[in-house]
Protein backbone atom coordinates (compact mmCIF):
# COMPACT_ATOMS: atom_id res chain seq x y z
CA MET A 1 -6.57 -45.68 42.97
CA SER A 2 -7.52 -43.82 39.79
CA LYS A 3 -6.20 -40.36 39.14
CA ASN A 4 -8.34 -37.53 37.97
CA ILE A 5 -7.43 -36.63 34.40
CA VAL A 6 -7.58 -32.94 33.66
CA SER A 7 -8.02 -32.30 29.95
CA GLU A 8 -6.41 -29.38 28.13
CA PRO A 9 -8.75 -26.39 27.82
CA THR A 10 -10.18 -26.02 24.35
CA TRP A 11 -9.84 -22.84 22.30
CA ILE A 12 -13.42 -22.09 23.29
CA ASP A 13 -12.56 -22.43 26.99
CA LYS A 14 -9.49 -20.20 26.57
CA MET A 15 -11.45 -17.45 24.82
CA ASN A 16 -14.16 -17.63 27.46
CA ASP A 17 -11.61 -17.53 30.29
CA PHE A 18 -9.48 -14.69 28.83
CA GLY A 19 -12.60 -12.73 28.05
CA GLN A 20 -14.02 -13.12 31.55
CA ARG A 21 -10.68 -12.04 33.05
CA ARG A 22 -10.25 -9.25 30.44
CA ILE A 23 -6.87 -10.63 29.32
CA PRO A 24 -5.91 -9.30 25.84
CA PHE A 25 -5.26 -12.05 23.27
CA ILE A 26 -5.22 -12.82 19.56
CA PHE A 27 -6.93 -15.77 17.96
CA ILE A 28 -6.23 -17.55 14.65
CA LEU A 29 -8.98 -20.05 13.83
CA ASP A 30 -8.64 -22.33 10.81
CA PHE A 31 -11.61 -23.09 8.56
CA GLU A 32 -12.01 -26.67 9.76
CA LEU A 33 -11.19 -25.73 13.42
CA LYS A 34 -8.53 -28.43 13.62
CA LYS A 35 -5.58 -26.15 14.48
CA PRO A 36 -6.96 -23.11 16.42
CA ILE A 37 -4.43 -20.80 18.06
CA ILE A 38 -5.14 -18.58 21.08
CA LEU A 39 -2.24 -16.44 22.35
CA LYS A 40 -2.04 -13.75 24.99
CA THR A 41 -0.73 -10.63 23.28
CA GLY A 42 2.29 -10.74 25.59
CA GLN A 43 3.19 -14.18 24.22
CA ILE A 44 3.49 -13.16 20.59
CA THR A 45 6.85 -14.06 19.09
CA GLU A 46 8.76 -12.18 16.41
CA ASN A 47 7.60 -14.79 13.92
CA ILE A 48 3.97 -13.62 14.15
CA TYR A 49 3.08 -10.12 12.93
CA TYR A 50 -0.45 -8.76 12.92
CA LYS A 51 -2.41 -5.65 12.05
CA PHE A 52 -6.02 -4.94 12.96
CA ASN A 53 -6.83 -1.53 11.52
CA ASP A 54 -4.67 0.78 13.70
CA ILE A 55 -3.42 -1.95 16.08
CA LYS A 56 -0.21 -3.71 15.02
CA ASN A 57 2.82 -5.33 16.64
CA TYR A 58 5.55 -4.64 14.07
CA GLN A 59 7.62 -1.91 12.47
CA LEU A 60 8.50 -2.83 8.89
CA SER A 61 9.44 -0.56 6.01
CA GLY A 62 6.18 -0.83 4.06
CA THR A 63 7.98 0.10 0.86
CA LYS A 64 9.06 -1.86 -2.20
CA GLN A 65 12.79 -2.53 -2.36
CA LYS A 66 12.63 -4.07 -5.86
CA ASN A 67 10.18 -4.41 -8.72
CA LEU A 68 7.56 -7.01 -8.01
CA GLN A 69 7.46 -10.04 -10.30
CA PHE A 70 4.24 -11.94 -9.80
CA ASP A 71 3.24 -14.81 -12.13
CA ILE A 72 0.20 -17.01 -11.57
CA PHE A 73 -0.55 -20.60 -12.60
CA PRO A 74 -4.23 -21.36 -11.88
CA ILE A 75 -5.89 -24.72 -12.26
CA SER A 76 -7.15 -25.44 -15.75
CA TYR A 77 -10.59 -24.32 -16.87
CA VAL A 78 -11.47 -27.97 -17.48
CA GLN A 79 -10.65 -28.92 -13.89
CA TYR A 80 -12.58 -25.93 -12.55
CA ALA A 81 -15.57 -26.68 -14.79
CA LEU A 82 -15.85 -30.23 -13.49
CA ALA A 83 -16.15 -29.00 -9.90
CA PHE A 84 -18.42 -26.14 -10.95
CA ASP A 85 -20.82 -28.52 -12.72
CA ARG A 86 -21.02 -30.76 -9.68
CA VAL A 87 -21.79 -27.75 -7.45
CA ILE A 88 -24.49 -26.51 -9.86
CA LYS A 89 -26.07 -29.98 -9.79
CA GLU A 90 -26.22 -29.82 -5.98
CA ILE A 91 -27.77 -26.34 -6.17
CA LYS A 92 -30.42 -27.58 -8.63
CA PHE A 93 -31.21 -30.44 -6.24
CA GLY A 94 -31.86 -27.80 -3.56
CA ASN A 95 -28.95 -28.85 -1.37
CA SER A 96 -27.39 -25.37 -1.44
CA PHE A 97 -28.44 -21.89 -2.49
CA LEU A 98 -24.99 -20.30 -2.37
CA LEU A 99 -21.63 -22.03 -2.25
CA ASN A 100 -18.19 -20.42 -2.13
CA LEU A 101 -15.97 -22.58 -4.35
CA THR A 102 -12.23 -22.06 -3.90
CA PHE A 103 -8.96 -23.36 -5.32
CA PRO A 104 -5.21 -22.81 -4.82
CA THR A 105 -3.26 -21.03 -7.58
CA GLU A 106 0.50 -21.46 -7.69
CA ILE A 107 2.38 -18.18 -7.82
CA LYS A 108 6.00 -17.45 -8.64
CA THR A 109 7.47 -14.21 -7.36
CA ASN A 110 10.83 -12.63 -6.51
CA TYR A 111 9.43 -11.70 -3.05
CA ASN A 112 9.38 -13.99 -0.06
CA LEU A 113 6.40 -14.16 2.31
CA LYS A 114 7.69 -11.58 4.76
CA GLU A 115 8.48 -9.13 1.91
CA LEU A 116 4.98 -9.61 0.44
CA PHE A 117 3.49 -9.04 3.88
CA ASP A 118 5.58 -5.89 4.34
CA VAL A 119 4.45 -4.18 1.12
CA SER A 120 0.80 -5.30 1.22
CA HIS A 121 -1.79 -2.71 2.27
CA ALA A 122 -4.93 -3.96 4.00
CA LYS A 123 -7.07 -3.25 7.05
CA TYR A 124 -6.18 -6.68 8.41
CA LYS A 125 -2.82 -8.38 8.00
CA LEU A 126 -1.14 -11.47 9.43
CA TYR A 127 2.29 -13.01 8.94
CA PHE A 128 2.52 -16.44 10.57
CA ARG A 129 5.88 -18.14 11.07
CA ASP A 130 6.82 -18.03 7.36
CA GLU A 131 3.94 -20.44 6.72
CA PHE A 132 1.27 -18.04 5.40
CA ILE A 133 0.26 -14.40 5.10
CA VAL A 134 -3.11 -12.68 5.00
CA SER A 135 -3.95 -9.19 3.61
CA SER A 136 -7.68 -9.10 4.14
CA PRO A 137 -10.23 -6.33 3.44
CA GLU A 138 -13.11 -8.32 4.98
CA ILE A 139 -14.28 -7.85 8.55
CA PHE A 140 -15.66 -10.98 10.21
CA VAL A 141 -17.22 -9.44 13.34
CA GLN A 142 -16.51 -6.43 15.50
CA ILE A 143 -17.67 -6.21 19.11
CA LYS A 144 -17.88 -2.71 20.59
CA GLY A 145 -19.47 -2.42 24.00
CA ASN A 146 -22.30 -4.94 23.88
CA LYS A 147 -22.92 -4.44 20.16
CA ILE A 148 -21.77 -6.96 17.57
CA TYR A 149 -21.39 -6.05 13.90
CA THR A 150 -20.66 -7.98 10.72
CA PHE A 151 -20.02 -6.66 7.21
CA PRO A 152 -20.61 -9.26 4.47
CA MET A 153 -18.82 -8.55 1.18
CA LYS A 154 -20.30 -10.05 -2.01
CA GLY A 155 -19.99 -8.70 -5.52
CA THR A 156 -16.77 -7.48 -7.16
CA ILE A 157 -16.02 -5.51 -10.33
CA ASP A 158 -13.04 -3.77 -11.89
CA ALA A 159 -13.47 -0.03 -11.21
CA SER A 160 -12.14 0.80 -14.68
CA VAL A 161 -15.19 -0.73 -16.35
CA PRO A 162 -17.42 2.10 -17.62
CA ASP A 163 -20.30 2.75 -15.20
CA ALA A 164 -18.90 0.00 -12.95
CA GLU A 165 -20.85 0.97 -9.83
CA ASN A 166 -24.23 0.86 -11.53
CA ILE A 167 -23.34 -2.40 -13.28
CA ILE A 168 -22.43 -4.23 -10.08
CA LEU A 169 -25.35 -2.83 -8.08
CA ASN A 170 -27.84 -3.81 -10.80
CA ASP A 171 -26.40 -7.24 -11.61
CA HIS A 172 -29.17 -9.76 -10.88
CA LYS A 173 -26.83 -12.62 -10.02
CA GLU A 174 -24.69 -10.52 -7.69
CA THR A 175 -27.79 -8.99 -6.07
CA ALA A 176 -29.30 -12.41 -5.38
CA GLU A 177 -26.00 -13.64 -3.94
CA HIS A 178 -25.74 -10.60 -1.67
CA TYR A 179 -29.33 -11.02 -0.41
CA THR A 180 -28.55 -14.66 0.40
CA ILE A 181 -25.37 -13.89 2.38
CA VAL A 182 -26.95 -10.98 4.26
CA ASP A 183 -29.88 -13.24 5.24
CA LEU A 184 -27.45 -15.98 6.32
CA LEU A 185 -25.33 -13.65 8.46
CA ARG A 186 -28.37 -12.00 9.96
CA ASN A 187 -29.55 -15.45 11.03
CA ASP A 188 -26.04 -16.25 12.34
CA LEU A 189 -25.96 -13.14 14.53
CA SER A 190 -29.41 -14.05 15.84
CA LEU A 191 -27.81 -17.15 17.39
CA VAL A 192 -25.76 -14.98 19.76
CA ALA A 193 -27.47 -11.58 19.82
CA LYS A 194 -30.86 -9.87 20.03
CA ASN A 195 -32.36 -7.01 18.03
CA VAL A 196 -30.45 -7.97 14.91
CA LYS A 197 -30.90 -5.49 12.06
CA VAL A 198 -29.36 -4.43 8.75
CA ASN A 199 -28.04 -0.90 9.17
CA LYS A 200 -26.71 -0.44 5.62
CA PHE A 201 -27.46 -2.60 2.58
CA ARG A 202 -25.22 -2.93 -0.49
CA TYR A 203 -22.81 -0.02 -0.31
CA ILE A 204 -19.55 0.23 -2.28
CA ASP A 205 -16.02 -0.27 -0.91
CA HIS A 206 -12.94 0.61 -3.00
CA LEU A 207 -10.00 -1.85 -2.93
CA THR A 208 -6.69 -0.84 -4.50
CA THR A 209 -4.42 -3.63 -5.80
CA SER A 210 -1.06 -3.80 -7.47
CA HIS A 211 -2.61 -3.43 -10.91
CA ARG A 212 -6.18 -2.19 -10.55
CA THR A 213 -8.90 -0.78 -8.29
CA LEU A 214 -11.83 -3.01 -7.46
CA LEU A 215 -15.32 -2.10 -6.33
CA GLN A 216 -16.76 -4.48 -3.73
CA VAL A 217 -20.33 -4.52 -2.47
CA SER A 218 -20.81 -4.69 1.34
CA SER A 219 -23.57 -4.45 3.95
CA GLU A 220 -23.61 -3.76 7.70
CA ILE A 221 -25.51 -5.90 10.22
CA GLU A 222 -25.80 -5.16 13.96
CA GLY A 223 -27.00 -7.04 17.04
CA THR A 224 -27.01 -6.62 20.82
CA LEU A 225 -25.07 -9.13 22.99
CA PRO A 226 -26.02 -10.15 26.54
CA ASP A 227 -24.36 -8.30 29.41
CA ASP A 228 -22.12 -11.25 30.28
CA PHE A 229 -20.81 -11.73 26.71
CA HIS A 230 -17.16 -11.39 27.74
CA SER A 231 -17.31 -14.79 29.46
CA LYS A 232 -18.82 -16.32 26.31
CA LEU A 233 -16.45 -15.12 23.58
CA GLY A 234 -15.47 -18.66 22.59
CA ASP A 235 -19.08 -19.81 22.47
CA ILE A 236 -20.01 -16.76 20.36
CA PHE A 237 -17.34 -17.51 17.77
CA MET A 238 -18.11 -21.22 17.72
CA ALA A 239 -21.76 -20.39 16.94
CA LEU A 240 -20.77 -18.02 14.08
CA LEU A 241 -18.12 -20.16 12.39
CA PRO A 242 -17.31 -20.81 9.65
CA ALA A 243 -17.84 -17.38 8.11
CA GLY A 244 -20.95 -17.45 5.94
CA SER A 245 -19.44 -15.29 3.21
CA VAL A 246 -16.78 -17.93 2.48
CA SER A 247 -18.91 -21.04 2.99
CA GLY A 248 -22.52 -20.63 1.88
CA ALA A 249 -26.13 -21.46 2.69
CA PRO A 250 -27.44 -23.60 4.23
CA LYS A 251 -24.16 -23.99 6.02
CA LYS A 252 -24.13 -27.65 7.11
CA LYS A 253 -24.92 -29.22 3.74
CA THR A 254 -22.92 -26.62 1.84
CA LEU A 255 -19.82 -27.45 3.89
CA GLU A 256 -20.24 -31.11 2.95
CA ILE A 257 -20.38 -30.16 -0.75
CA ILE A 258 -17.30 -27.95 -0.38
CA ALA A 259 -15.32 -30.80 1.17
CA GLU A 260 -16.32 -33.11 -1.68
CA ASN A 261 -15.43 -30.72 -4.50
CA GLU A 262 -12.38 -28.69 -3.49
CA THR A 263 -8.94 -30.20 -4.07
CA ASP A 264 -7.84 -30.23 -0.41
CA SER A 265 -8.72 -28.90 3.04
CA ARG A 266 -8.56 -25.15 3.39
CA GLY A 267 -6.55 -24.98 6.59
CA TYR A 268 -6.24 -21.40 7.79
CA TYR A 269 -7.54 -20.01 4.45
CA THR A 270 -11.06 -18.57 4.99
CA GLY A 271 -10.72 -19.08 8.73
CA VAL A 272 -10.81 -15.98 10.93
CA PHE A 273 -8.27 -14.10 13.02
CA GLY A 274 -8.80 -11.35 15.50
CA ILE A 275 -7.79 -9.47 18.63
CA PHE A 276 -9.41 -8.91 22.02
CA ASP A 277 -8.04 -5.76 23.69
CA GLY A 278 -9.58 -6.51 27.09
CA GLU A 279 -12.96 -5.01 26.21
CA ASN A 280 -13.66 -5.14 22.45
CA ILE A 281 -12.95 -7.45 19.52
CA ASP A 282 -11.90 -6.79 15.97
CA SER A 283 -11.62 -9.73 13.56
CA ALA A 284 -11.31 -10.56 9.87
CA VAL A 285 -11.85 -13.35 7.39
CA MET A 286 -8.57 -14.87 6.21
CA ILE A 287 -8.79 -14.14 2.49
CA ARG A 288 -6.17 -12.62 0.18
CA TYR A 289 -4.16 -15.52 1.51
CA ILE A 290 -0.76 -16.92 0.40
CA GLU A 291 0.74 -20.05 1.93
CA LYS A 292 4.06 -21.85 1.58
CA SER A 293 4.05 -25.57 0.94
CA ASP A 294 7.18 -27.54 -0.03
CA GLU A 295 8.95 -24.25 -0.77
CA ARG A 296 6.26 -23.30 -3.30
CA LEU A 297 3.79 -20.47 -2.86
CA TRP A 298 0.06 -20.89 -3.31
CA TYR A 299 -2.54 -18.13 -3.45
CA ARG A 300 -6.05 -19.29 -2.54
CA SER A 301 -9.13 -17.61 -3.96
CA GLY A 302 -12.70 -18.36 -4.88
CA CYS A 303 -16.15 -16.95 -5.51
CA GLY A 304 -19.80 -17.56 -4.70
CA ILE A 305 -21.74 -19.97 -6.90
CA THR A 306 -25.52 -19.67 -7.31
CA SER A 307 -28.08 -21.03 -9.74
CA GLN A 308 -27.44 -17.98 -11.92
CA SER A 309 -23.68 -18.40 -12.10
CA GLU A 310 -21.81 -18.88 -15.38
CA CYS A 311 -18.75 -21.08 -15.28
CA ALA A 312 -16.45 -18.88 -17.38
CA ALA A 313 -17.30 -15.76 -15.38
CA GLU A 314 -16.71 -17.46 -12.04
CA TYR A 315 -13.41 -18.93 -13.22
CA LYS A 316 -12.30 -15.47 -14.32
CA GLU A 317 -13.37 -13.93 -10.97
CA MET A 318 -11.36 -16.57 -9.09
CA ILE A 319 -8.27 -15.65 -11.10
CA ASP A 320 -8.89 -11.89 -10.86
CA LYS A 321 -8.74 -12.21 -7.07
CA VAL A 322 -5.14 -13.46 -7.23
CA TYR A 323 -3.27 -10.22 -6.56
CA VAL A 324 -1.05 -8.42 -4.07
CA PRO A 325 -2.74 -5.30 -2.62
CA ILE A 326 0.31 -3.05 -2.70
CA GLY A 327 -1.45 0.07 -4.00
CA ARG A 328 -0.83 2.27 -6.99
CA LYS A 329 1.75 4.47 -5.29
CA TYR A 330 4.21 1.67 -5.81
């Protein structure tokens, strides 16, 4: 007599179930969706710390106890240029219009992961079991009531550059990239919501780092979810992933090109993490990401490649994004 085999619920099933029953939980979804984590907020251990705007589960000092030493060792320009040239060739063939190319940079610092997490300032933060930390400025989606919002960020410049705001807003390459990502995310939201619209287009956010202030260009997109969306939270996120701002367009082919040209799988880098409070969701893209591997620390960063991209500029932008957002007061 055969026995019925009951399979483990997937992360999608768990999000749907917890949403329907209004059970608060956090989710940590890796880029390739091979190691998704769904935890009821009451199950969080002391080895996982999170912050979602004003919601956090820890009390750390938040102050520097020693001077920060932070040295970076990026891949060579030659290695980057080889991958960049292959990506540009794919773009010229019409296989992609925008591709976010990323690489790990080894860092050496006198701070451990928990100390870096403690002193970093960001809207969204995650410390995960001494394996990786995230200090992200980028919202993935927010769900408030039956409204869903996303805020794509594309275009970065050092605020100390004279007339920086006008330069970034009038840069043709950055403008084209931003149009592409807004169009992609508007289409993504249309998969799960109705009445999708762009509320604000290309406004400036200020990001303070350990050694500079950056200007970043963002937009706001809104849609209306169905009345029963709580029971479909997993399906909603499955439809939207991976985040368009850190993959590209069109998604399917661009993801194939990414896998062929980056040095390894991304893991949790550029995945998403978030919290469901029983009614609403707040979530972020896992960028400004440092991971530990074989007792070495790696900072992952990247930038969007389009037909107008210049290799040297993109290489510099990738390196410029390797920083700890501890703020000037330190």
